[in-house]
């Protein structure tokens, strides 16, 4: 996970490890190495995020996670 500070707001990004191809309109499709802005990571398995102007759910296991956001 990559943390970026924009003013007082912390933006969190995760790097995709694998492609996620989906036909479900509620899921976010992406390719390996895409950076996804993580908007909701409350669920352990499915996170909500955005790439450009597209938003949707994606499997948390498909992204690279780091615990250091300082």
C-alpha atoms as a PDB file:
ATOM      1  CA  UNK A   1       0.000   0.000   0.000  1.00  0.00           C
ATOM      2  CA  UNK A   2       1.338   3.423  -0.846  1.00  0.00           C
ATOM      3  CA  UNK A   3       0.244   6.408   1.237  1.00  0.00           C
ATOM      4  CA  UNK A   4       0.194   9.864  -0.297  1.00  0.00           C
ATOM      5  CA  UNK A   5      -0.632  13.038   1.606  1.00  0.00           C
ATOM      6  CA  UNK A   6      -2.578  15.705  -0.264  1.00  0.00           C
ATOM      7  CA  UNK A   7      -2.807  18.590   2.172  1.00  0.00           C
ATOM      8  CA  UNK A   8      -4.305  17.154   5.359  1.00  0.00           C
ATOM      9  CA  UNK A   9      -5.886  14.212   3.534  1.00  0.00           C
ATOM     10  CA  UNK A  10      -4.139  10.839   3.403  1.00  0.00           C
ATOM     11  CA  UNK A  11      -4.725   8.973   0.131  1.00  0.00           C
ATOM     12  CA  UNK A  12      -3.937   5.268   0.117  1.00  0.00           C
ATOM     13  CA  UNK A  13      -2.935   3.378  -3.014  1.00  0.00           C
ATOM     14  CA  UNK A  14      -2.363  -0.336  -3.566  1.00  0.00           C
ATOM     15  CA  UNK A  15      -0.417  -1.886  -6.440  1.00  0.00           C
ATOM     16  CA  UNK A  16      -2.173  -4.633  -8.392  1.00  0.00           C
ATOM     17  CA  UNK A  17      -0.251  -7.915  -8.475  1.00  0.00           C
ATOM     18  CA  UNK A  18      -2.459  -9.617 -11.057  1.00  0.00           C
ATOM     19  CA  UNK A  19      -5.046  -8.673 -13.666  1.00  0.00           C
ATOM     20  CA  UNK A  20      -8.625  -8.572 -12.429  1.00  0.00           C
ATOM     21  CA  UNK A  21     -11.004  -9.004 -15.354  1.00  0.00           C
ATOM     22  CA  UNK A  22     -14.690  -8.762 -14.489  1.00  0.00           C
ATOM     23  CA  UNK A  23     -18.086  -8.498 -16.163  1.00  0.00           C
ATOM     24  CA  UNK A  24     -19.753  -7.343 -12.920  1.00  0.00           C
ATOM     25  CA  UNK A  25     -20.513  -3.595 -13.022  1.00  0.00           C
ATOM     26  CA  UNK A  26     -19.914  -3.332  -9.256  1.00  0.00           C
ATOM     27  CA  UNK A  27     -16.326  -4.638  -9.522  1.00  0.00           C
ATOM     28  CA  UNK A  28     -13.222  -2.714 -10.527  1.00  0.00           C
ATOM     29  CA  UNK A  29     -11.256  -4.187 -13.429  1.00  0.00           C
ATOM     30  CA  UNK A  30      -7.499  -3.585 -13.529  1.00  0.00           C
ATOM     31  CA  UNK A  31      -4.182  -4.896 -14.831  1.00  0.00           C
ATOM     32  CA  UNK A  32      -1.084  -5.972 -12.920  1.00  0.00           C
ATOM     33  CA  UNK A  33       0.983  -2.976 -11.725  1.00  0.00           C
ATOM     34  CA  UNK A  34      -1.991  -0.559 -11.816  1.00  0.00           C
ATOM     35  CA  UNK A  35      -2.214   1.753  -8.800  1.00  0.00           C
ATOM     36  CA  UNK A  36      -5.618   1.670  -7.162  1.00  0.00           C
ATOM     37  CA  UNK A  37      -6.795   4.363  -4.771  1.00  0.00           C
ATOM     38  CA  UNK A  38      -8.198   2.439  -1.809  1.00  0.00           C
ATOM     39  CA  UNK A  39     -11.426   4.079  -0.636  1.00  0.00           C
ATOM     40  CA  UNK A  40     -12.668   1.346   1.737  1.00  0.00           C
ATOM     41  CA  UNK A  41     -10.640  -1.520   3.196  1.00  0.00           C
ATOM     42  CA  UNK A  42     -12.979  -2.435   6.067  1.00  0.00           C
ATOM     43  CA  UNK A  43     -13.768  -5.868   4.613  1.00  0.00           C
ATOM     44  CA  UNK A  44     -10.884  -8.342   4.792  1.00  0.00           C
ATOM     45  CA  UNK A  45     -11.531  -9.912   1.375  1.00  0.00           C
ATOM     46  CA  UNK A  46     -13.067  -7.203  -0.839  1.00  0.00           C
ATOM     47  CA  UNK A  47     -11.939  -3.578  -0.923  1.00  0.00           C
ATOM     48  CA  UNK A  48     -13.527  -0.634  -2.696  1.00  0.00           C
ATOM     49  CA  UNK A  49     -11.308   1.541  -4.833  1.00  0.00           C
ATOM     50  CA  UNK A  50     -10.848   3.764  -7.838  1.00  0.00           C
ATOM     51  CA  UNK A  51      -8.682   4.012 -10.924  1.00  0.00           C
ATOM     52  CA  UNK A  52      -9.145   7.310 -12.778  1.00  0.00           C
ATOM     53  CA  UNK A  53     -12.926   7.793 -12.984  1.00  0.00           C
ATOM     54  CA  UNK A  54     -13.845   4.116 -12.426  1.00  0.00           C
ATOM     55  CA  UNK A  55     -14.845   2.819  -8.979  1.00  0.00           C
ATOM     56  CA  UNK A  56     -15.741  -0.625  -7.713  1.00  0.00           C
ATOM     57  CA  UNK A  57     -15.030  -3.598  -5.487  1.00  0.00           C
ATOM     58  CA  UNK A  58     -11.894  -5.684  -5.983  1.00  0.00           C
ATOM     59  CA  UNK A  59     -10.293  -8.693  -4.267  1.00  0.00           C
ATOM     60  CA  UNK A  60      -7.833  -7.555  -1.591  1.00  0.00           C
ATOM     61  CA  UNK A  61      -5.663 -10.600  -2.313  1.00  0.00           C
ATOM     62  CA  UNK A  62      -4.880  -9.153  -5.767  1.00  0.00           C
ATOM     63  CA  UNK A  63      -2.952  -6.139  -4.427  1.00  0.00           C
ATOM     64  CA  UNK A  64       0.372  -5.526  -2.689  1.00  0.00           C
ATOM     65  CA  UNK A  65       0.016  -4.423   0.909  1.00  0.00           C
ATOM     66  CA  UNK A  66       2.518  -2.660   3.160  1.00  0.00           C
ATOM     67  CA  UNK A  67       1.824  -1.742   6.765  1.00  0.00           C
ATOM     68  CA  UNK A  68       4.072   1.367   6.807  1.00  0.00           C
ATOM     69  CA  UNK A  69       2.185   4.535   5.902  1.00  0.00           C
ATOM     70  CA  UNK A  70       4.193   7.013   7.947  1.00  0.00           C
END
